[in-house]
PDB file of all heavy atoms in Angstrom:
ATOM      1  N   ALA A   1     223.983 119.712  31.301  1.00  0.00           N
ATOM      2  CA  ALA A   1     223.966 120.881  32.162  1.00  0.00           C
ATOM      3  C   ALA A   1     224.899 120.670  33.326  1.00  0.00           C
ATOM      4  O   ALA A   1     224.728 119.750  34.121  1.00  0.00           O
ATOM      5  CB  ALA A   1     222.554 121.167  32.646  1.00  0.00           C
ATOM      6  N   PHE A   2     225.902 121.529  33.450  1.00  0.00           N
ATOM      7  CA  PHE A   2     226.877 121.491  34.544  1.00  0.00           C
ATOM      8  C   PHE A   2     226.546 122.601  35.534  1.00  0.00           C
ATOM      9  O   PHE A   2     226.221 123.722  35.140  1.00  0.00           O
ATOM     10  CB  PHE A   2     228.295 121.703  34.020  1.00  0.00           C
ATOM     11  CG  PHE A   2     228.843 120.536  33.259  1.00  0.00           C
ATOM     12  CD1 PHE A   2     228.430 120.258  31.957  1.00  0.00           C
ATOM     13  CD2 PHE A   2     229.786 119.688  33.842  1.00  0.00           C
ATOM     14  CE1 PHE A   2     228.942 119.180  31.255  1.00  0.00           C
ATOM     15  CE2 PHE A   2     230.315 118.603  33.145  1.00  0.00           C
ATOM     16  CZ  PHE A   2     229.879 118.346  31.865  1.00  0.00           C
ATOM     17  N   ALA A   3     226.635 122.286  36.835  1.00  0.00           N
ATOM     18  CA  ALA A   3     226.404 123.295  37.861  1.00  0.00           C
ATOM     19  C   ALA A   3     227.519 123.269  38.875  1.00  0.00           C
ATOM     20  O   ALA A   3     227.976 122.193  39.309  1.00  0.00           O
ATOM     21  CB  ALA A   3     225.075 123.020  38.575  1.00  0.00           C
ATOM     22  N   ALA A   4     227.989 124.464  39.248  1.00  0.00           N
ATOM     23  CA  ALA A   4     228.947 124.547  40.366  1.00  0.00           C
ATOM     24  C   ALA A   4     228.229 124.210  41.652  1.00  0.00           C
ATOM     25  O   ALA A   4     227.027 124.391  41.798  1.00  0.00           O
ATOM     26  CB  ALA A   4     229.523 125.963  40.414  1.00  0.00           C
ATOM     27  N   GLU A   5     228.977 123.711  42.626  1.00  0.00           N
ATOM     28  CA  GLU A   5     228.389 123.224  43.860  1.00  0.00           C
ATOM     29  C   GLU A   5     227.590 124.280  44.636  1.00  0.00           C
ATOM     30  O   GLU A   5     226.689 123.949  45.373  1.00  0.00           O
ATOM     31  CB  GLU A   5     229.502 122.662  44.763  1.00  0.00           C
ATOM     32  CG  GLU A   5     230.157 121.405  44.222  1.00  0.00           C
ATOM     33  CD  GLU A   5     231.404 121.010  44.996  1.00  0.00           C
ATOM     34  OE1 GLU A   5     232.058 121.907  45.547  1.00  0.00           O
ATOM     35  OE2 GLU A   5     231.697 119.791  45.057  1.00  0.00           O
ATOM     36  N   ASN A   6     227.929 125.541  44.453  1.00  0.00           N
ATOM     37  CA  ASN A   6     227.284 126.594  45.228  1.00  0.00           C
ATOM     38  C   ASN A   6     226.020 127.145  44.579  1.00  0.00           C
ATOM     39  O   ASN A   6     225.421 128.102  45.077  1.00  0.00           O
ATOM     40  CB  ASN A   6     228.262 127.757  45.462  1.00  0.00           C
ATOM     41  CG  ASN A   6     228.606 128.493  44.151  1.00  0.00           C
ATOM     42  OD1 ASN A   6     228.428 127.959  43.077  1.00  0.00           O
ATOM     43  ND2 ASN A   6     229.089 129.712  44.273  1.00  0.00           N
ATOM     44  N   THR A   7     225.598 126.591  43.457  1.00  0.00           N
ATOM     45  CA  THR A   7     224.525 127.184  42.683  1.00  0.00           C
ATOM     46  C   THR A   7     223.150 127.004  43.332  1.00  0.00           C
ATOM     47  O   THR A   7     222.849 125.929  43.870  1.00  0.00           O
ATOM     48  CB  THR A   7     224.509 126.579  41.259  1.00  0.00           C
ATOM     49  OG1 THR A   7     225.826 126.561  40.731  1.00  0.00           O
ATOM     50  CG2 THR A   7     223.612 127.395  40.320  1.00  0.00           C
ATOM     51  N   LYS A   8     222.309 128.050  43.256  1.00  0.00           N
ATOM     52  CA  LYS A   8     220.946 127.992  43.709  1.00  0.00           C
ATOM     53  C   LYS A   8     219.996 128.140  42.515  1.00  0.00           C
ATOM     54  O   LYS A   8     220.291 128.883  41.566  1.00  0.00           O
ATOM     55  CB  LYS A   8     220.657 129.100  44.718  1.00  0.00           C
ATOM     56  CG  LYS A   8     221.573 129.094  45.926  1.00  0.00           C
ATOM     57  CD  LYS A   8     221.415 127.844  46.765  1.00  0.00           C
ATOM     58  CE  LYS A   8     222.306 127.896  48.018  1.00  0.00           C
ATOM     59  NZ  LYS A   8     222.221 126.633  48.800  1.00  0.00           N
ATOM     60  N   PHE A   9     218.842 127.452  42.584  1.00  0.00           N
ATOM     61  CA  PHE A   9     217.897 127.440  41.493  1.00  0.00           C
ATOM     62  C   PHE A   9     216.520 127.821  42.031  1.00  0.00           C
ATOM     63  O   PHE A   9     216.060 127.250  43.038  1.00  0.00           O
ATOM     64  CB  PHE A   9     217.789 126.039  40.850  1.00  0.00           C
ATOM     65  CG  PHE A   9     219.096 125.531  40.331  1.00  0.00           C
ATOM     66  CD1 PHE A   9     220.061 124.986  41.190  1.00  0.00           C
ATOM     67  CD2 PHE A   9     219.385 125.569  38.971  1.00  0.00           C
ATOM     68  CE1 PHE A   9     221.269 124.522  40.721  1.00  0.00           C
ATOM     69  CE2 PHE A   9     220.605 125.099  38.479  1.00  0.00           C
ATOM     70  CZ  PHE A   9     221.536 124.564  39.350  1.00  0.00           C
ATOM     71  N   ALA A  10     215.838 128.760  41.397  1.00  0.00           N
ATOM     72  CA  ALA A  10     214.511 129.190  41.854  1.00  0.00           C
ATOM     73  C   ALA A  10     213.740 129.825  40.701  1.00  0.00           C
ATOM     74  O   ALA A  10     214.357 130.406  39.776  1.00  0.00           O
ATOM     75  CB  ALA A  10     214.631 130.190  43.001  1.00  0.00           C
ATOM     76  N   THR A  11     212.423 129.711  40.752  1.00  0.00           N
ATOM     77  CA  THR A  11     211.587 130.389  39.752  1.00  0.00           C
ATOM     78  C   THR A  11     211.387 131.856  40.149  1.00  0.00           C
ATOM     79  O   THR A  11     211.669 132.753  39.352  1.00  0.00           O
ATOM     80  CB  THR A  11     210.230 129.691  39.590  1.00  0.00           C
ATOM     81  OG1 THR A  11     209.566 129.648  40.841  1.00  0.00           O
ATOM     82  CG2 THR A  11     210.434 128.279  39.033  1.00  0.00           C
ATOM     83  N   GLY A  12     210.888 132.113  41.331  1.00  0.00           N
ATOM     84  CA  GLY A  12     210.821 133.469  41.865  1.00  0.00           C
ATOM     85  C   GLY A  12     209.692 134.327  41.293  1.00  0.00           C
ATOM     86  O   GLY A  12     209.555 135.492  41.692  1.00  0.00           O
ATOM     87  N   PHE A  13     208.862 133.777  40.423  1.00  0.00           N
ATOM     88  CA  PHE A  13     207.849 134.610  39.769  1.00  0.00           C
ATOM     89  C   PHE A  13     206.759 135.070  40.741  1.00  0.00           C
ATOM     90  O   PHE A  13     206.314 136.225  40.695  1.00  0.00           O
ATOM     91  CB  PHE A  13     207.194 133.852  38.614  1.00  0.00           C
ATOM     92  CG  PHE A  13     208.178 133.416  37.544  1.00  0.00           C
ATOM     93  CD1 PHE A  13     208.420 132.090  37.310  1.00  0.00           C
ATOM     94  CD2 PHE A  13     208.863 134.361  36.795  1.00  0.00           C
ATOM     95  CE1 PHE A  13     209.321 131.680  36.335  1.00  0.00           C
ATOM     96  CE2 PHE A  13     209.753 133.994  35.823  1.00  0.00           C
ATOM     97  CZ  PHE A  13     210.006 132.647  35.588  1.00  0.00           C
ATOM     98  N   ALA A  14     206.298 134.165  41.604  1.00  0.00           N
ATOM     99  CA  ALA A  14     205.185 134.517  42.480  1.00  0.00           C
ATOM    100  C   ALA A  14     205.519 135.663  43.406  1.00  0.00           C
ATOM    101  O   ALA A  14     204.639 136.475  43.754  1.00  0.00           O
ATOM    102  CB  ALA A  14     204.760 133.267  43.292  1.00  0.00           C
ATOM    103  N   ALA A  15     206.767 135.787  43.810  1.00  0.00           N
ATOM    104  CA  ALA A  15     207.163 136.888  44.689  1.00  0.00           C
ATOM    105  C   ALA A  15     206.996 138.238  44.016  1.00  0.00           C
ATOM    106  O   ALA A  15     206.887 139.268  44.694  1.00  0.00           O
ATOM    107  CB  ALA A  15     208.613 136.701  45.117  1.00  0.00           C
ATOM    108  N   LEU A  16     206.966 138.234  42.686  1.00  0.00           N
ATOM    109  CA  LEU A  16     206.775 139.475  41.934  1.00  0.00           C
ATOM    110  C   LEU A  16     205.356 139.600  41.390  1.00  0.00           C
ATOM    111  O   LEU A  16     205.050 140.552  40.650  1.00  0.00           O
ATOM    112  CB  LEU A  16     207.758 139.518  40.752  1.00  0.00           C
ATOM    113  CG  LEU A  16     209.244 139.502  41.090  1.00  0.00           C
ATOM    114  CD1 LEU A  16     210.104 139.361  39.838  1.00  0.00           C
ATOM    115  CD2 LEU A  16     209.614 140.800  41.835  1.00  0.00           C
ATOM    116  N   GLY A  17     204.488 138.649  41.741  1.00  0.00           N
ATOM    117  CA  GLY A  17     203.124 138.686  41.226  1.00  0.00           C
ATOM    118  C   GLY A  17     203.033 138.378  39.756  1.00  0.00           C
ATOM    119  O   GLY A  17     202.094 138.791  39.061  1.00  0.00           O
ATOM    120  N   LEU A  18     203.986 137.603  39.253  1.00  0.00           N
ATOM    121  CA  LEU A  18     204.038 137.261  37.828  1.00  0.00           C
ATOM    122  C   LEU A  18     203.878 135.750  37.660  1.00  0.00           C
ATOM    123  O   LEU A  18     204.134 134.961  38.559  1.00  0.00           O
ATOM    124  CB  LEU A  18     205.356 137.730  37.208  1.00  0.00           C
ATOM    125  CG  LEU A  18     205.591 139.257  37.249  1.00  0.00           C
ATOM    126  CD1 LEU A  18     206.994 139.570  36.748  1.00  0.00           C
ATOM    127  CD2 LEU A  18     204.559 139.985  36.403  1.00  0.00           C
ATOM    128  N   SER A  19     203.487 135.344  36.450  1.00  0.00           N
ATOM    129  CA  SER A  19     203.212 133.923  36.184  1.00  0.00           C
ATOM    130  C   SER A  19     204.392 133.169  35.625  1.00  0.00           C
ATOM    131  O   SER A  19     204.419 131.934  35.687  1.00  0.00           O
ATOM    132  CB  SER A  19     202.035 133.805  35.204  1.00  0.00           C
ATOM    133  OG  SER A  19     202.286 134.543  34.015  1.00  0.00           O
ATOM    134  N   GLY A  20     205.365 133.888  35.021  1.00  0.00           N
ATOM    135  CA  GLY A  20     206.558 133.178  34.559  1.00  0.00           C
ATOM    136  C   GLY A  20     206.766 133.202  33.072  1.00  0.00           C
ATOM    137  O   GLY A  20     205.850 133.422  32.280  1.00  0.00           O
ATOM    138  N   ASP A  21     208.017 132.995  32.671  1.00  0.00           N
ATOM    139  CA  ASP A  21     208.405 132.966  31.251  1.00  0.00           C
ATOM    140  C   ASP A  21     209.589 132.022  31.118  1.00  0.00           C
ATOM    141  O   ASP A  21     209.871 131.213  32.005  1.00  0.00           O
ATOM    142  CB  ASP A  21     208.726 134.375  30.748  1.00  0.00           C
ATOM    143  CG  ASP A  21     209.979 134.960  31.387  1.00  0.00           C
ATOM    144  OD1 ASP A  21     210.185 134.743  32.606  1.00  0.00           O
ATOM    145  OD2 ASP A  21     210.794 135.595  30.693  1.00  0.00           O
ATOM    146  N   GLY A  22     210.286 132.115  30.001  1.00  0.00           N
ATOM    147  CA  GLY A  22     211.510 131.308  29.805  1.00  0.00           C
ATOM    148  C   GLY A  22     211.245 129.836  29.590  1.00  0.00           C
ATOM    149  O   GLY A  22     212.165 129.022  29.704  1.00  0.00           O
ATOM    150  N   GLY A  23     209.994 129.481  29.264  1.00  0.00           N
ATOM    151  CA  GLY A  23     209.690 128.056  29.023  1.00  0.00           C
ATOM    152  C   GLY A  23     209.524 127.257  30.288  1.00  0.00           C
ATOM    153  O   GLY A  23     209.405 126.024  30.228  1.00  0.00           O
ATOM    154  N   ASN A  24     209.484 127.918  31.467  1.00  0.00           N
ATOM    155  CA  ASN A  24     209.373 127.184  32.728  1.00  0.00           C
ATOM    156  C   ASN A  24     208.153 126.274  32.784  1.00  0.00           C
ATOM    157  O   ASN A  24     208.230 125.135  33.243  1.00  0.00           O
ATOM    158  CB  ASN A  24     209.355 128.157  33.899  1.00  0.00           C
ATOM    159  CG  ASN A  24     210.726 128.585  34.354  1.00  0.00           C
ATOM    160  OD1 ASN A  24     211.394 127.870  35.089  1.00  0.00           O
ATOM    161  ND2 ASN A  24     211.189 129.741  33.876  1.00  0.00           N
ATOM    162  N   SER A  25     206.997 126.765  32.337  1.00  0.00           N
ATOM    163  CA  SER A  25     205.771 125.987  32.464  1.00  0.00           C
ATOM    164  C   SER A  25     205.770 124.785  31.526  1.00  0.00           C
ATOM    165  O   SER A  25     204.995 123.849  31.739  1.00  0.00           O
ATOM    166  CB  SER A  25     204.542 126.854  32.172  1.00  0.00           C
ATOM    167  OG  SER A  25     204.578 127.354  30.844  1.00  0.00           O
ATOM    168  N   TRP A  26     206.621 124.778  30.516  1.00  0.00           N
ATOM    169  CA  TRP A  26     206.696 123.647  29.582  1.00  0.00           C
ATOM    170  C   TRP A  26     207.794 122.669  29.999  1.00  0.00           C
ATOM    171  O   TRP A  26     207.575 121.475  30.057  1.00  0.00           O
ATOM    172  CB  TRP A  26     206.970 124.155  28.169  1.00  0.00           C
ATOM    173  CG  TRP A  26     206.750 123.113  27.108  1.00  0.00           C
ATOM    174  CD1 TRP A  26     205.568 122.797  26.484  1.00  0.00           C
ATOM    175  CD2 TRP A  26     207.740 122.293  26.488  1.00  0.00           C
ATOM    176  NE1 TRP A  26     205.764 121.823  25.551  1.00  0.00           N
ATOM    177  CE2 TRP A  26     207.085 121.484  25.523  1.00  0.00           C
ATOM    178  CE3 TRP A  26     209.120 122.132  26.664  1.00  0.00           C
ATOM    179  CZ2 TRP A  26     207.777 120.550  24.753  1.00  0.00           C
ATOM    180  CZ3 TRP A  26     209.792 121.218  25.890  1.00  0.00           C
ATOM    181  CH2 TRP A  26     209.124 120.443  24.951  1.00  0.00           C
ATOM    182  N   PHE A  27     208.947 123.201  30.325  1.00  0.00           N
ATOM    183  CA  PHE A  27     210.087 122.334  30.653  1.00  0.00           C
ATOM    184  C   PHE A  27     209.979 121.694  32.034  1.00  0.00           C
ATOM    185  O   PHE A  27     210.263 120.520  32.212  1.00  0.00           O
ATOM    186  CB  PHE A  27     211.408 123.104  30.555  1.00  0.00           C
ATOM    187  CG  PHE A  27     211.902 123.332  29.174  1.00  0.00           C
ATOM    188  CD1 PHE A  27     211.750 124.558  28.545  1.00  0.00           C
ATOM    189  CD2 PHE A  27     212.536 122.317  28.463  1.00  0.00           C
ATOM    190  CE1 PHE A  27     212.202 124.785  27.257  1.00  0.00           C
ATOM    191  CE2 PHE A  27     212.992 122.515  27.177  1.00  0.00           C
ATOM    192  CZ  PHE A  27     212.837 123.751  26.561  1.00  0.00           C
ATOM    193  N   LEU A  28     209.600 122.493  33.023  1.00  0.00           N
ATOM    194  CA  LEU A  28     209.664 121.988  34.399  1.00  0.00           C
ATOM    195  C   LEU A  28     208.808 120.746  34.622  1.00  0.00           C
ATOM    196  O   LEU A  28     209.320 119.755  35.199  1.00  0.00           O
ATOM    197  CB  LEU A  28     209.250 123.088  35.396  1.00  0.00           C
ATOM    198  CG  LEU A  28     210.380 123.999  35.868  1.00  0.00           C
ATOM    199  CD1 LEU A  28     209.825 125.092  36.767  1.00  0.00           C
ATOM    200  CD2 LEU A  28     211.465 123.195  36.581  1.00  0.00           C
ATOM    201  N   PRO A  29     207.528 120.692  34.213  1.00  0.00           N
ATOM    202  CA  PRO A  29     206.762 119.461  34.450  1.00  0.00           C
ATOM    203  C   PRO A  29     207.378 118.257  33.762  1.00  0.00           C
ATOM    204  O   PRO A  29     207.262 117.139  34.240  1.00  0.00           O
ATOM    205  CB  PRO A  29     205.379 119.802  33.875  1.00  0.00           C
ATOM    206  CG  PRO A  29     205.316 121.282  33.849  1.00  0.00           C
ATOM    207  CD  PRO A  29     206.713 121.727  33.594  1.00  0.00           C
ATOM    208  N   ARG A  30     208.036 118.480  32.624  1.00  0.00           N
ATOM    209  CA  ARG A  30     208.634 117.364  31.879  1.00  0.00           C
ATOM    210  C   ARG A  30     209.944 116.909  32.533  1.00  0.00           C
ATOM    211  O   ARG A  30     210.283 115.732  32.466  1.00  0.00           O
ATOM    212  CB  ARG A  30     208.864 117.786  30.428  1.00  0.00           C
ATOM    213  CG  ARG A  30     207.552 117.917  29.656  1.00  0.00           C
ATOM    214  CD  ARG A  30     207.764 118.676  28.343  1.00  0.00           C
ATOM    215  NE  ARG A  30     206.577 118.569  27.504  1.00  0.00           N
ATOM    216  CZ  ARG A  30     205.483 119.313  27.628  1.00  0.00           C
ATOM    217  NH1 ARG A  30     205.435 120.224  28.600  1.00  0.00           N
ATOM    218  NH2 ARG A  30     204.451 119.146  26.826  1.00  0.00           N
ATOM    219  N   LEU A  31     210.671 117.835  33.131  1.00  0.00           N
ATOM    220  CA  LEU A  31     211.965 117.487  33.742  1.00  0.00           C
ATOM    221  C   LEU A  31     211.832 116.967  35.151  1.00  0.00           C
ATOM    222  O   LEU A  31     212.501 116.001  35.540  1.00  0.00           O
ATOM    223  CB  LEU A  31     212.887 118.702  33.723  1.00  0.00           C
ATOM    224  CG  LEU A  31     213.424 119.137  32.349  1.00  0.00           C
ATOM    225  CD1 LEU A  31     214.161 120.461  32.481  1.00  0.00           C
ATOM    226  CD2 LEU A  31     214.346 118.076  31.770  1.00  0.00           C
ATOM    227  N   VAL A  32     210.967 117.605  35.957  1.00  0.00           N
ATOM    228  CA  VAL A  32     210.897 117.259  37.379  1.00  0.00           C
ATOM    229  C   VAL A  32     209.563 116.659  37.786  1.00  0.00           C
ATOM    230  O   VAL A  32     209.434 116.188  38.921  1.00  0.00           O
ATOM    231  CB  VAL A  32     211.211 118.465  38.259  1.00  0.00           C
ATOM    232  CG1 VAL A  32     212.528 119.109  37.866  1.00  0.00           C
ATOM    233  CG2 VAL A  32     210.088 119.511  38.210  1.00  0.00           C
ATOM    234  N   GLY A  33     208.569 116.677  36.882  1.00  0.00           N
ATOM    235  CA  GLY A  33     207.220 116.179  37.219  1.00  0.00           C
ATOM    236  C   GLY A  33     206.331 117.330  37.643  1.00  0.00           C
ATOM    237  O   GLY A  33     206.796 118.356  38.133  1.00  0.00           O
ATOM    238  N   PRO A  34     205.010 117.173  37.471  1.00  0.00           N
ATOM    239  CA  PRO A  34     204.092 118.282  37.772  1.00  0.00           C
ATOM    240  C   PRO A  34     204.052 118.673  39.229  1.00  0.00           C
ATOM    241  O   PRO A  34     203.886 119.871  39.561  1.00  0.00           O
ATOM    242  CB  PRO A  34     202.743 117.756  37.288  1.00  0.00           C
ATOM    243  CG  PRO A  34     202.903 116.276  37.207  1.00  0.00           C
ATOM    244  CD  PRO A  34     204.322 116.020  36.891  1.00  0.00           C
ATOM    245  N   ARG A  35     204.161 117.721  40.165  1.00  0.00           N
ATOM    246  CA  ARG A  35     204.108 118.090  41.574  1.00  0.00           C
ATOM    247  C   ARG A  35     205.311 118.918  42.007  1.00  0.00           C
ATOM    248  O   ARG A  35     205.184 119.894  42.751  1.00  0.00           O
ATOM    249  CB  ARG A  35     204.004 116.824  42.441  1.00  0.00           C
ATOM    250  CG  ARG A  35     202.711 116.060  42.283  1.00  0.00           C
ATOM    251  CD  ARG A  35     201.521 116.885  42.693  1.00  0.00           C
ATOM    252  NE  ARG A  35     200.306 116.119  42.650  1.00  0.00           N
ATOM    253  CZ  ARG A  35     199.082 116.639  42.752  1.00  0.00           C
ATOM    254  NH1 ARG A  35     198.938 117.948  42.887  1.00  0.00           N
ATOM    255  NH2 ARG A  35     198.013 115.876  42.698  1.00  0.00           N
ATOM    256  N   ARG A  36     206.482 118.502  41.580  1.00  0.00           N
ATOM    257  CA  ARG A  36     207.680 119.274  41.937  1.00  0.00           C
ATOM    258  C   ARG A  36     207.696 120.627  41.219  1.00  0.00           C
ATOM    259  O   ARG A  36     208.163 121.621  41.785  1.00  0.00           O
ATOM    260  CB  ARG A  36     208.915 118.459  41.605  1.00  0.00           C
ATOM    261  CG  ARG A  36     209.215 117.358  42.640  1.00  0.00           C
ATOM    262  CD  ARG A  36     210.423 116.533  42.267  1.00  0.00           C
ATOM    263  NE  ARG A  36     210.900 115.807  43.441  1.00  0.00           N
ATOM    264  CZ  ARG A  36     211.924 114.961  43.428  1.00  0.00           C
ATOM    265  NH1 ARG A  36     212.599 114.750  42.287  1.00  0.00           N
ATOM    266  NH2 ARG A  36     212.310 114.339  44.512  1.00  0.00           N
ATOM    267  N   ALA A  37     207.195 120.656  39.988  1.00  0.00           N
ATOM    268  CA  ALA A  37     207.075 121.945  39.288  1.00  0.00           C
ATOM    269  C   ALA A  37     206.184 122.887  40.093  1.00  0.00           C
ATOM    270  O   ALA A  37     206.480 124.079  40.238  1.00  0.00           O
ATOM    271  CB  ALA A  37     206.538 121.725  37.895  1.00  0.00           C
TER     272      ALA A  37
END
């Protein structure tokens, strides 16, 4: 995964009152750990 220096990353689901999709709940704990997720 390549990222340009100006890139921002966010889930953003809670701001919409939603729980999330796109595999976030599966990938994030495995990639960054449960606390950071």
